[in-house]
């Protein structure tokens, strides 16, 4: 058989490869995967021949491979109508851009961490530190009650965002469960202490007929290190000379959709399920916090906040306020003012803390 059903002469695999810009090896693979089977295979010698009409699909496959699209997804796209295929390609590229942005932020943070380790004096990591801090919660302009909680002390920073009929009690209990860590004895492992305290709060979370629970994001200072525990969609940031870095990843449905490329970051604030959490303190789901140990340096400023702030204030504005405010008290007030200027549709909790050498004079409020 040397012609297709329309009478067009079939192409050898070599000629088809040149015309489609796919290698013969790739064409054999796509045949095995049933992505691009030949029009005819000689039963005696196994030679593959392709119809000229297959070139359009082959070129689409080649272009999608150049985009880096996985073969399984290419097969799905090739079976769609042109309009639907265009939507699928756009969704895939949105995923690539979201993944790239997430990796770029992580790379920037890691580069900064490694450069600091390499360029800082060997004694810097052992510098005794102290914190100047401020915490505030605000009901916002829409919600009838405030279900956020916050704490700032010499060693512990924490914010919690309650949800459900007992959300306010859940958030307050989550923060209260950590407060004894302010007096933890020297030598206590900060990560283990944070984890165990939060685990107790998880087990003791109030129950109700409707879903009830709380997010929890906390930093515990131990010498020149900060232990971070995170559950939910509250956030932690650090401001350094090199910029503002987000050091938590949301445990939410919309973040998972962004990670999968099914939603863009711009679409997330208006998603109808933007408040749905995948991890939290609720007493019923598995306890799976993110835990991290950070090297702290004098001059750093940390922000912990609930999504009542980050849901309406972009990162650039957060950085501007954190850079300009002379004190944590001023930073907290200015951040909540920004949330109000944006409509404050949710409760807001903010904690800001500055790190100073323990023997340095701390600026007055």
Protein backbone atom coordinates (compact mmCIF):
# COMPACT_ATOMS: atom_id res chain seq x y z
CA UNK A 1 0.00 0.00 0.00
CA UNK A 2 1.67 3.20 -1.20
CA UNK A 3 -1.37 5.54 -1.24
CA UNK A 4 -3.88 6.64 1.37
CA UNK A 5 -7.66 6.53 1.04
CA UNK A 6 -7.64 9.85 -0.83
CA UNK A 7 -5.08 8.61 -3.34
CA UNK A 8 -2.17 10.63 -1.94
CA UNK A 9 1.16 8.88 -2.00
CA UNK A 10 2.30 7.68 1.41
CA UNK A 11 5.57 9.02 2.82
CA UNK A 12 8.42 6.90 4.12
CA UNK A 13 9.33 7.42 7.76
CA UNK A 14 12.43 9.36 6.68
CA UNK A 15 10.48 11.70 4.38
CA UNK A 16 7.77 12.15 7.01
CA UNK A 17 10.41 12.89 9.66
CA UNK A 18 11.97 15.61 7.53
CA UNK A 19 8.60 17.17 6.70
CA UNK A 20 7.36 17.12 10.30
CA UNK A 21 10.70 17.96 11.97
CA UNK A 22 10.41 14.86 14.12
CA UNK A 23 13.17 12.28 14.18
CA UNK A 24 12.50 8.68 13.05
CA UNK A 25 13.28 7.60 16.59
CA UNK A 26 10.61 9.96 17.95
CA UNK A 27 8.11 8.73 15.35
CA UNK A 28 8.68 5.12 16.45
CA UNK A 29 8.10 6.13 20.07
CA UNK A 30 4.91 8.02 19.19
CA UNK A 31 3.72 4.95 17.28
CA UNK A 32 4.29 2.75 20.33
CA UNK A 33 2.36 5.25 22.45
CA UNK A 34 -0.44 5.40 19.86
CA UNK A 35 0.09 9.14 19.68
CA UNK A 36 1.01 9.21 16.00
CA UNK A 37 0.56 5.73 14.43
CA UNK A 38 1.59 5.37 10.77
CA UNK A 39 -1.04 5.04 8.06
CA UNK A 40 0.42 1.71 6.98
CA UNK A 41 2.92 -0.81 8.30
CA UNK A 42 4.26 -3.38 5.83
CA UNK A 43 3.42 -6.82 7.29
CA UNK A 44 6.58 -8.33 5.80
CA UNK A 45 9.38 -5.86 6.47
CA UNK A 46 7.68 -3.61 9.07
CA UNK A 47 8.33 -0.41 7.11
CA UNK A 48 6.20 2.48 8.35
CA UNK A 49 4.53 4.87 5.94
CA UNK A 50 2.61 8.02 6.77
CA UNK A 51 -0.16 9.93 4.99
CA UNK A 52 0.46 13.57 4.08
CA UNK A 53 -2.70 14.45 6.01
CA UNK A 54 -0.91 13.34 9.21
CA UNK A 55 1.63 16.15 8.90
CA UNK A 56 -0.61 18.68 10.66
CA UNK A 57 -0.92 16.47 13.75
CA UNK A 58 2.79 15.64 13.63
CA UNK A 59 3.76 19.32 13.53
CA UNK A 60 1.43 20.04 16.43
CA UNK A 61 3.11 17.25 18.39
CA UNK A 62 6.53 18.72 17.54
CA UNK A 63 5.51 22.20 18.69
CA UNK A 64 4.00 20.91 21.93
CA UNK A 65 7.14 18.91 22.65
CA UNK A 66 9.18 22.09 22.16
CA UNK A 67 6.97 23.67 24.82
CA UNK A 68 7.93 20.81 27.12
CA UNK A 69 4.43 19.34 27.34
CA UNK A 70 4.37 15.72 28.57
CA UNK A 71 3.40 13.09 25.99
CA UNK A 72 0.28 12.03 27.89
CA UNK A 73 -0.99 15.59 27.84
CA UNK A 74 -0.07 15.98 24.15
CA UNK A 75 -2.22 12.96 23.35
CA UNK A 76 -5.16 14.61 25.10
CA UNK A 77 -4.65 17.91 23.26
CA UNK A 78 -4.43 16.19 19.88
CA UNK A 79 -7.87 14.65 20.37
CA UNK A 80 -9.54 18.02 21.05
CA UNK A 81 -11.22 20.43 18.67
CA UNK A 82 -9.02 23.40 17.72
CA UNK A 83 -10.77 25.83 20.08
CA UNK A 84 -10.63 23.43 23.02
CA UNK A 85 -7.03 22.50 22.19
CA UNK A 86 -6.12 26.19 22.26
CA UNK A 87 -7.63 26.47 25.75
CA UNK A 88 -5.69 23.40 26.87
CA UNK A 89 -2.40 24.83 25.57
CA UNK A 90 -3.11 28.14 27.32
CA UNK A 91 -3.84 26.30 30.58
CA UNK A 92 -0.63 24.30 30.25
CA UNK A 93 1.43 27.42 29.69
CA UNK A 94 -0.21 29.10 32.67
CA UNK A 95 0.97 26.11 34.72
CA UNK A 96 4.50 26.46 33.35
CA UNK A 97 4.56 30.16 34.25
CA UNK A 98 3.19 29.47 37.74
CA UNK A 99 5.75 26.71 38.29
CA UNK A 100 8.51 28.95 36.99
CA UNK A 101 7.46 31.79 39.27
CA UNK A 102 7.38 29.46 42.27
CA UNK A 103 10.80 28.05 41.41
CA UNK A 104 12.16 31.55 40.79
CA UNK A 105 11.06 32.67 44.25
CA UNK A 106 12.51 29.55 45.83
CA UNK A 107 15.75 29.93 43.86
CA UNK A 108 16.06 33.57 44.95
CA UNK A 109 15.59 32.57 48.58
CA UNK A 110 18.11 29.71 48.32
CA UNK A 111 20.66 31.90 46.53
CA UNK A 112 20.30 34.48 49.26
CA UNK A 113 20.64 31.83 51.98
CA UNK A 114 23.76 30.31 50.43
CA UNK A 115 25.41 33.66 49.77
CA UNK A 116 24.81 34.67 53.36
CA UNK A 117 26.38 31.45 54.61
CA UNK A 118 29.41 31.99 52.37
CA UNK A 119 29.98 35.71 52.93
CA UNK A 120 28.95 36.20 56.56
CA UNK A 121 31.65 35.98 59.23
CA UNK A 122 31.93 32.62 60.92
CA UNK A 123 30.79 34.18 64.18
CA UNK A 124 27.67 35.78 62.69
CA UNK A 125 25.52 32.70 63.15
CA UNK A 126 26.45 32.64 66.82
CA UNK A 127 25.56 36.30 67.46
CA UNK A 128 23.09 36.48 70.37
CA UNK A 129 19.87 38.07 69.14
CA UNK A 130 16.92 39.87 70.59
CA UNK A 131 13.61 40.86 68.99
CA UNK A 132 11.56 44.02 68.88
CA UNK A 133 8.00 43.04 67.97
CA UNK A 134 4.39 44.08 67.59
CA UNK A 135 1.14 42.19 67.03
CA UNK A 136 -2.36 43.29 66.18
CA UNK A 137 -5.63 41.81 64.94
CA UNK A 138 -8.47 43.66 63.28
CA UNK A 139 -12.06 42.64 62.52
CA UNK A 140 -11.94 44.26 59.08
CA UNK A 141 -14.83 46.10 57.48
CA UNK A 142 -17.18 43.24 56.59
CA UNK A 143 -17.01 40.30 59.01
CA UNK A 144 -19.31 40.48 62.06
CA UNK A 145 -16.68 38.97 64.41
CA UNK A 146 -12.91 38.63 64.62
CA UNK A 147 -11.73 35.01 64.39
CA UNK A 148 -8.02 35.80 64.00
CA UNK A 149 -5.46 35.57 66.79
CA UNK A 150 -1.87 36.77 67.11
CA UNK A 151 1.00 36.70 69.59
CA UNK A 152 4.38 38.42 69.66
CA UNK A 153 6.89 37.94 72.44
CA UNK A 154 10.63 37.81 73.07
CA UNK A 155 10.91 34.33 71.57
CA UNK A 156 7.60 33.43 69.92
CA UNK A 157 5.68 34.93 67.00
CA UNK A 158 2.39 33.39 65.88
CA UNK A 159 -0.78 34.09 63.89
CA UNK A 160 -3.88 31.93 63.51
CA UNK A 161 -6.99 32.31 61.37
CA UNK A 162 -10.06 30.49 62.66
CA UNK A 163 -12.93 29.26 60.52
CA UNK A 164 -16.33 27.73 61.17
CA UNK A 165 -18.75 28.35 64.05
CA UNK A 166 -16.01 27.91 66.68
CA UNK A 167 -13.22 29.44 64.60
CA UNK A 168 -12.43 32.27 66.98
CA UNK A 169 -12.01 29.84 69.86
CA UNK A 170 -9.91 27.52 67.69
CA UNK A 171 -7.52 30.30 66.65
CA UNK A 172 -7.14 31.61 70.20
CA UNK A 173 -6.51 28.10 71.50
CA UNK A 174 -3.91 27.42 68.81
CA UNK A 175 -1.90 30.51 69.73
CA UNK A 176 -2.36 29.93 73.46
CA UNK A 177 -1.03 26.37 73.11
CA UNK A 178 2.32 27.78 71.99
CA UNK A 179 2.75 30.60 74.48
CA UNK A 180 4.44 28.47 77.13
CA UNK A 181 7.36 28.17 74.69
CA UNK A 182 8.35 31.71 75.64
CA UNK A 183 9.73 30.15 78.84
CA UNK A 184 11.20 26.96 77.35
CA UNK A 185 14.53 26.06 78.99
CA UNK A 186 17.78 26.73 77.15
CA UNK A 187 18.81 23.87 74.90
CA UNK A 188 15.24 22.91 73.97
CA UNK A 189 14.96 21.76 70.37
CA UNK A 190 12.78 24.55 68.92
CA UNK A 191 11.36 22.53 66.02
CA UNK A 192 10.35 19.62 68.23
CA UNK A 193 8.91 21.97 70.84
CA UNK A 194 6.84 23.82 68.24
CA UNK A 195 5.63 20.61 66.64
CA UNK A 196 4.59 19.02 69.93
CA UNK A 197 2.77 22.14 71.13
CA UNK A 198 0.90 22.45 67.83
CA UNK A 199 0.08 18.74 67.87
CA UNK A 200 -1.59 19.17 71.25
CA UNK A 201 -3.58 22.09 69.87
CA UNK A 202 -4.60 19.96 66.89
CA UNK A 203 -5.88 17.20 69.14
CA UNK A 204 -7.74 19.69 71.34
CA UNK A 205 -9.33 21.63 68.46
CA UNK A 206 -13.01 22.33 69.19
CA UNK A 207 -15.57 20.34 67.26
CA UNK A 208 -18.91 21.50 65.90
CA UNK A 209 -21.64 20.39 63.54
CA UNK A 210 -19.93 22.42 60.80
CA UNK A 211 -16.23 22.34 59.93
CA UNK A 212 -14.23 24.27 62.51
CA UNK A 213 -10.52 24.78 62.84
CA UNK A 214 -7.66 27.21 62.41
CA UNK A 215 -4.53 27.92 60.46
CA UNK A 216 -1.29 28.33 62.40
CA UNK A 217 1.99 29.95 61.40
CA UNK A 218 4.64 30.43 64.06
CA UNK A 219 8.31 31.29 64.53
CA UNK A 220 10.23 30.31 67.68
CA UNK A 221 13.62 31.92 68.31
CA UNK A 222 16.38 29.75 69.76
CA UNK A 223 19.71 31.57 69.88
CA UNK A 224 20.49 32.66 66.33
CA UNK A 225 17.97 30.32 64.72
CA UNK A 226 14.25 30.53 64.05
CA UNK A 227 12.07 27.44 63.95
CA UNK A 228 9.11 27.77 61.58
CA UNK A 229 5.87 25.78 61.80
CA UNK A 230 3.15 26.30 59.21
CA UNK A 231 -0.35 24.91 58.58
CA UNK A 232 -2.92 26.53 56.30
CA UNK A 233 -2.87 29.73 54.27
CA UNK A 234 -1.54 32.28 56.72
CA UNK A 235 1.95 33.36 55.68
CA UNK A 236 5.45 34.25 56.87
CA UNK A 237 7.86 36.61 55.11
CA UNK A 238 11.39 37.85 55.80
CA UNK A 239 12.69 41.24 54.67
CA UNK A 240 16.43 41.48 54.04
CA UNK A 241 18.67 43.85 52.12
CA UNK A 242 18.20 41.57 49.12
CA UNK A 243 14.40 41.85 49.20
CA UNK A 244 11.22 40.37 50.64
CA UNK A 245 11.02 36.57 50.65
CA UNK A 246 7.94 34.48 51.35
CA UNK A 247 9.00 31.47 53.44
CA UNK A 248 5.72 29.54 53.58
CA UNK A 249 3.58 27.78 50.96
CA UNK A 250 -0.21 27.90 51.22
CA UNK A 251 -2.01 24.66 52.07
CA UNK A 252 -5.16 25.59 50.19
CA UNK A 253 -7.27 24.30 47.33
CA UNK A 254 -6.57 27.33 45.15
CA UNK A 255 -2.81 26.99 45.70
CA UNK A 256 -3.00 23.33 44.66
CA UNK A 257 -4.91 24.39 41.52
CA UNK A 258 -2.21 26.99 40.80
CA UNK A 259 0.49 24.36 41.34
CA UNK A 260 -1.29 22.07 38.87
CA UNK A 261 -1.70 24.82 36.29
CA UNK A 262 -5.50 24.75 36.48
CA UNK A 263 -5.69 28.26 37.91
CA UNK A 264 -3.56 31.37 37.51
CA UNK A 265 -2.43 33.42 40.53
CA UNK A 266 -4.52 36.30 39.17
CA UNK A 267 -7.66 34.14 39.21
CA UNK A 268 -7.14 32.83 42.74
CA UNK A 269 -8.63 35.78 44.72
CA UNK A 270 -11.99 35.43 42.95
CA UNK A 271 -12.19 31.62 43.04
CA UNK A 272 -15.39 30.50 44.83
CA UNK A 273 -13.44 27.97 46.94
CA UNK A 274 -10.52 30.26 47.79
CA UNK A 275 -11.09 29.71 51.54
CA UNK A 276 -10.93 25.90 51.39
CA UNK A 277 -7.88 24.56 53.21
CA UNK A 278 -6.07 21.28 52.61
CA UNK A 279 -4.25 21.37 55.96
CA UNK A 280 -5.20 23.02 59.24
CA UNK A 281 -5.64 22.45 62.97
CA UNK A 282 -9.04 20.81 63.12
CA UNK A 283 -8.70 17.72 65.29
CA UNK A 284 -10.06 15.43 62.59
CA UNK A 285 -7.53 15.44 59.73
CA UNK A 286 -3.91 14.22 59.87
CA UNK A 287 -1.44 16.59 61.54
CA UNK A 288 1.06 17.43 58.79
CA UNK A 289 2.73 20.81 59.38
CA UNK A 290 5.60 22.24 57.36
CA UNK A 291 8.67 22.54 59.61
CA UNK A 292 11.83 24.47 58.84
CA UNK A 293 14.87 25.81 60.69
CA UNK A 294 16.14 29.22 59.54
CA UNK A 295 19.43 30.97 60.27
CA UNK A 296 18.60 34.43 61.59
CA UNK A 297 20.68 37.59 61.22
CA UNK A 298 20.57 41.02 62.86
CA UNK A 299 18.72 43.53 60.71
CA UNK A 300 16.09 41.13 59.40
CA UNK A 301 12.41 41.96 59.69
CA UNK A 302 9.82 39.17 59.80
CA UNK A 303 6.11 39.39 58.97
CA UNK A 304 3.51 36.80 59.94
CA UNK A 305 -0.03 37.50 58.75
CA UNK A 306 -3.37 35.93 57.90
CA UNK A 307 -4.95 35.95 54.45
CA UNK A 308 -7.07 38.93 55.38
CA UNK A 309 -3.94 40.93 54.54
CA UNK A 310 -2.36 38.97 51.69
CA UNK A 311 -5.72 38.42 49.99
CA UNK A 312 -6.07 42.15 49.27
CA UNK A 313 -2.55 43.62 49.52
CA UNK A 314 0.05 42.62 46.88
CA UNK A 315 3.62 41.60 47.85
CA UNK A 316 5.06 44.82 46.42
CA UNK A 317 2.97 46.90 48.82
CA UNK A 318 3.93 44.65 51.74
CA UNK A 319 7.59 45.21 50.93
CA UNK A 320 7.14 48.98 50.64
CA UNK A 321 5.54 49.20 54.09
CA UNK A 322 8.01 46.84 55.75
CA UNK A 323 10.92 48.76 54.25
CA UNK A 324 9.63 52.22 55.17
CA UNK A 325 8.23 51.66 58.68
CA UNK A 326 10.71 52.64 61.39
CA UNK A 327 9.32 50.25 64.01
CA UNK A 328 7.31 47.01 64.09
CA UNK A 329 4.46 48.95 65.71
CA UNK A 330 4.34 51.35 62.78
CA UNK A 331 4.61 48.50 60.25
CA UNK A 332 1.66 46.64 61.79
CA UNK A 333 -0.49 49.77 61.83
CA UNK A 334 0.39 50.63 58.23
CA UNK A 335 -0.30 47.10 56.98
CA UNK A 336 -3.74 47.01 58.55
CA UNK A 337 -4.43 50.46 57.11
CA UNK A 338 -3.59 49.04 53.66
CA UNK A 339 -6.06 46.19 54.20
CA UNK A 340 -8.74 48.73 55.15
CA UNK A 341 -7.98 50.82 52.08
CA UNK A 342 -8.55 47.67 49.98
CA UNK A 343 -11.94 47.03 51.60
CA UNK A 344 -10.82 44.66 54.41
CA UNK A 345 -13.37 41.95 53.55
CA UNK A 346 -11.81 39.56 56.10
CA UNK A 347 -10.28 39.65 59.56
CA UNK A 348 -6.61 40.66 59.62
CA UNK A 349 -3.82 39.54 61.92
CA UNK A 350 -0.26 40.87 61.65
CA UNK A 351 2.93 40.25 63.57
CA UNK A 352 6.12 42.13 62.71
CA UNK A 353 9.45 41.54 64.44
CA UNK A 354 12.92 43.01 64.01
CA UNK A 355 16.08 41.12 64.96
CA UNK A 356 18.86 42.99 66.76
CA UNK A 357 22.15 41.93 68.39
CA UNK A 358 21.41 41.22 72.03
CA UNK A 359 23.91 43.82 73.22
CA UNK A 360 22.71 46.56 70.85
CA UNK A 361 20.48 49.43 71.90
CA UNK A 362 16.97 48.74 70.55
CA UNK A 363 15.33 51.80 68.90
CA UNK A 364 12.56 53.42 70.91
CA UNK A 365 8.99 53.15 69.72
